[in-house]
N, C-alpha and C. Protein backbone atom coordinates (compact mmCIF):
# COMPACT_ATOMS: atom_id res chain seq x y z
N GLY A 1 7.82 -18.57 14.78
CA GLY A 1 7.15 -19.75 15.22
C GLY A 1 5.80 -20.33 15.23
N LEU A 2 4.88 -18.84 16.14
CA LEU A 2 3.82 -18.89 15.73
C LEU A 2 2.94 -19.14 14.47
N ALA A 3 2.96 -17.67 13.74
CA ALA A 3 3.01 -17.84 12.36
C ALA A 3 3.32 -18.99 11.43
N LEU A 4 4.42 -19.63 11.76
CA LEU A 4 4.80 -20.81 10.84
C LEU A 4 3.81 -21.94 10.97
N LEU A 5 3.41 -22.34 12.18
CA LEU A 5 2.77 -23.11 12.99
C LEU A 5 0.99 -22.84 12.19
N LEU A 6 0.69 -21.69 12.39
CA LEU A 6 -0.71 -21.15 11.77
C LEU A 6 -0.81 -21.50 10.56
N GLY A 7 0.32 -20.90 9.85
CA GLY A 7 0.59 -21.40 8.25
C GLY A 7 0.01 -22.84 7.72
N ALA A 8 0.98 -23.55 8.42
CA ALA A 8 1.15 -25.23 8.34
C ALA A 8 -0.70 -25.59 8.51
N LEU A 9 -1.77 -25.29 9.57
CA LEU A 9 -2.45 -25.72 10.12
C LEU A 9 -3.41 -24.96 9.13
N ILE A 10 -3.67 -23.99 8.64
CA ILE A 10 -4.46 -23.26 7.47
C ILE A 10 -3.88 -24.15 6.24
N GLY A 11 -2.72 -24.37 5.94
CA GLY A 11 -2.26 -25.19 4.64
C GLY A 11 -2.86 -26.72 4.67
N HIS A 12 -2.91 -27.08 5.74
CA HIS A 12 -3.44 -28.50 5.91
C HIS A 12 -5.20 -28.58 5.93
N PHE A 13 -5.54 -27.61 6.40
CA PHE A 13 -7.17 -27.55 6.63
C PHE A 13 -7.79 -26.94 5.41
N SER A 14 -7.25 -26.28 4.25
CA SER A 14 -7.81 -25.81 3.51
C SER A 14 -7.05 -26.28 2.03
N SER A 15 -6.87 -27.40 2.24
CA SER A 15 -5.97 -28.01 0.60
C SER A 15 -7.24 -27.94 -0.31
N ASN A 16 -8.33 -27.90 -0.20
CA ASN A 16 -9.17 -27.92 -1.25
C ASN A 16 -10.13 -26.38 -1.91
N PHE A 17 -9.29 -25.60 -1.06
CA PHE A 17 -9.42 -23.97 -1.18
C PHE A 17 -8.77 -23.67 -2.26
N GLN A 18 -9.45 -23.24 -3.29
CA GLN A 18 -8.75 -22.50 -4.94
C GLN A 18 -8.55 -21.34 -5.01
N VAL A 19 -7.39 -20.42 -5.06
CA VAL A 19 -7.52 -18.88 -5.15
C VAL A 19 -7.79 -18.68 -6.64
N VAL A 20 -8.45 -17.47 -6.58
CA VAL A 20 -8.53 -17.24 -8.46
C VAL A 20 -8.52 -15.96 -8.39
N PHE A 21 -7.80 -15.27 -9.16
CA PHE A 21 -7.26 -13.70 -9.35
C PHE A 21 -8.00 -13.41 -10.53
N SER A 22 -8.78 -12.66 -10.80
CA SER A 22 -9.62 -11.99 -11.96
C SER A 22 -8.46 -10.74 -12.86
N THR A 23 -8.40 -10.99 -13.61
CA THR A 23 -7.57 -9.32 -14.44
C THR A 23 -8.54 -8.01 -13.76
N ALA A 24 -9.63 -7.87 -13.59
CA ALA A 24 -10.41 -6.90 -13.06
C ALA A 24 -9.86 -6.64 -11.89
N SER A 25 -9.62 -7.78 -10.78
CA SER A 25 -9.05 -7.51 -9.38
C SER A 25 -7.76 -6.89 -9.56
N ILE A 26 -6.95 -7.20 -10.07
CA ILE A 26 -5.15 -6.97 -10.34
C ILE A 26 -5.06 -5.70 -10.68
N ILE A 27 -5.93 -4.95 -12.02
CA ILE A 27 -5.72 -3.81 -12.17
C ILE A 27 -6.55 -2.87 -11.29
N ALA A 28 -7.78 -3.34 -10.66
CA ALA A 28 -8.37 -2.47 -9.89
C ALA A 28 -7.60 -2.05 -8.22
N ALA A 29 -6.61 -3.32 -8.10
CA ALA A 29 -5.65 -3.04 -7.12
C ALA A 29 -4.51 -2.43 -7.29
N PHE A 30 -4.01 -2.59 -8.64
CA PHE A 30 -2.78 -1.75 -8.97
C PHE A 30 -3.67 0.06 -9.37
N ALA A 31 -4.54 0.25 -9.42
CA ALA A 31 -5.36 1.83 -9.51
C ALA A 31 -5.18 2.17 -8.28
N CYS A 32 -5.63 0.95 -7.42
CA CYS A 32 -5.92 1.85 -6.19
C CYS A 32 -4.71 2.19 -5.19
N SER A 33 -3.78 1.52 -5.61
CA SER A 33 -2.27 1.64 -4.81
C SER A 33 -1.69 2.50 -5.49
N THR A 34 -1.71 2.90 -6.62
CA THR A 34 -1.25 4.09 -7.67
C THR A 34 -1.96 5.17 -7.06
N LEU A 35 -3.25 5.56 -6.65
CA LEU A 35 -3.84 6.60 -6.59
C LEU A 35 -3.47 6.99 -4.79
N ILE A 36 -3.50 5.89 -4.42
CA ILE A 36 -2.84 6.14 -2.88
C ILE A 36 -1.36 6.77 -2.83
N GLY A 37 -0.69 5.90 -3.39
CA GLY A 37 1.00 6.75 -3.44
C GLY A 37 0.89 8.17 -3.66
N VAL A 38 0.16 8.38 -5.14
CA VAL A 38 0.18 10.02 -5.75
C VAL A 38 -0.50 10.69 -4.35
N ALA A 39 -1.69 10.38 -3.93
CA ALA A 39 -1.75 11.06 -2.90
C ALA A 39 -1.14 11.50 -1.33
N PHE A 40 -0.58 10.09 -1.12
CA PHE A 40 -0.01 10.45 0.21
C PHE A 40 1.54 10.90 -0.49
N GLY A 41 2.25 10.99 -1.30
CA GLY A 41 3.50 11.17 -1.56
C GLY A 41 3.37 12.58 -2.62
N PHE A 42 2.94 12.67 -3.85
CA PHE A 42 3.02 13.80 -4.34
C PHE A 42 2.37 14.99 -3.93
N LEU A 43 1.42 14.91 -3.57
CA LEU A 43 0.58 16.11 -3.24
C LEU A 43 1.21 16.68 -1.45
N PRO A 44 1.75 15.83 -0.76
CA PRO A 44 2.47 17.06 0.46
C PRO A 44 3.85 17.54 -0.33
N ALA A 45 4.62 16.75 -0.93
CA ALA A 45 5.53 17.64 -1.67
C ALA A 45 5.04 18.80 -2.84
N ARG A 46 4.27 18.71 -3.03
CA ARG A 46 3.93 19.81 -4.19
C ARG A 46 3.36 20.85 -2.83
N ASN A 47 2.77 20.77 -2.20
CA ASN A 47 2.64 21.63 -0.80
C ASN A 47 3.77 22.21 -0.17
N ALA A 48 4.93 21.40 -0.16
CA ALA A 48 6.29 21.68 0.48
C ALA A 48 6.81 22.55 -0.36
N ALA A 49 7.01 22.36 -1.83
CA ALA A 49 7.65 22.84 -2.65
C ALA A 49 7.26 24.35 -3.11
N GLN A 50 5.46 24.42 -2.39
CA GLN A 50 5.58 26.03 -3.06
C GLN A 50 5.24 27.02 -1.38
N LEU A 51 5.86 26.45 -0.72
CA LEU A 51 6.49 27.04 0.77
C LEU A 51 7.73 27.76 0.53
N ASP A 52 7.77 29.04 1.32
CA ASP A 52 9.02 30.18 1.20
C ASP A 52 10.18 29.23 1.80
N PRO A 53 11.41 29.24 0.71
CA PRO A 53 12.16 27.98 2.14
C PRO A 53 12.65 28.69 3.34
N VAL A 54 12.68 30.19 3.14
CA VAL A 54 13.16 31.13 4.51
C VAL A 54 12.13 30.74 5.59
N GLU A 55 10.89 31.04 4.96
CA GLU A 55 9.40 30.76 6.19
C GLU A 55 9.56 29.43 6.30
N ALA A 56 9.86 28.36 6.04
CA ALA A 56 9.77 26.69 6.18
C ALA A 56 10.76 26.47 7.18
N LEU A 57 12.23 27.17 7.01
CA LEU A 57 13.31 26.82 7.81
C LEU A 57 13.43 27.46 9.35
N ALA A 58 12.72 28.82 9.03
CA ALA A 58 12.40 29.65 10.50
C ALA A 58 11.20 28.67 11.52
N ARG A 59 10.34 27.70 10.73
CA ARG A 59 9.21 27.25 11.55
C ARG A 59 9.92 26.10 12.55
N GLU A 60 11.26 25.63 12.02
CA GLU A 60 11.89 24.51 12.51
C GLU A 60 12.05 25.11 14.08
């Protein structure tokens, strides 16, 4: 309810506002999100793959 009202108010008062997306900003956002995905997905998985399975299960 509140988000819909806030969106309608912003839309009403900013009708002259124009959003411009450049190719460079889209590429930068894609590269940044890819690097974050690799850092927080691949690196912990690689570290877990290097563990001895018996030792990893013994810690639980």
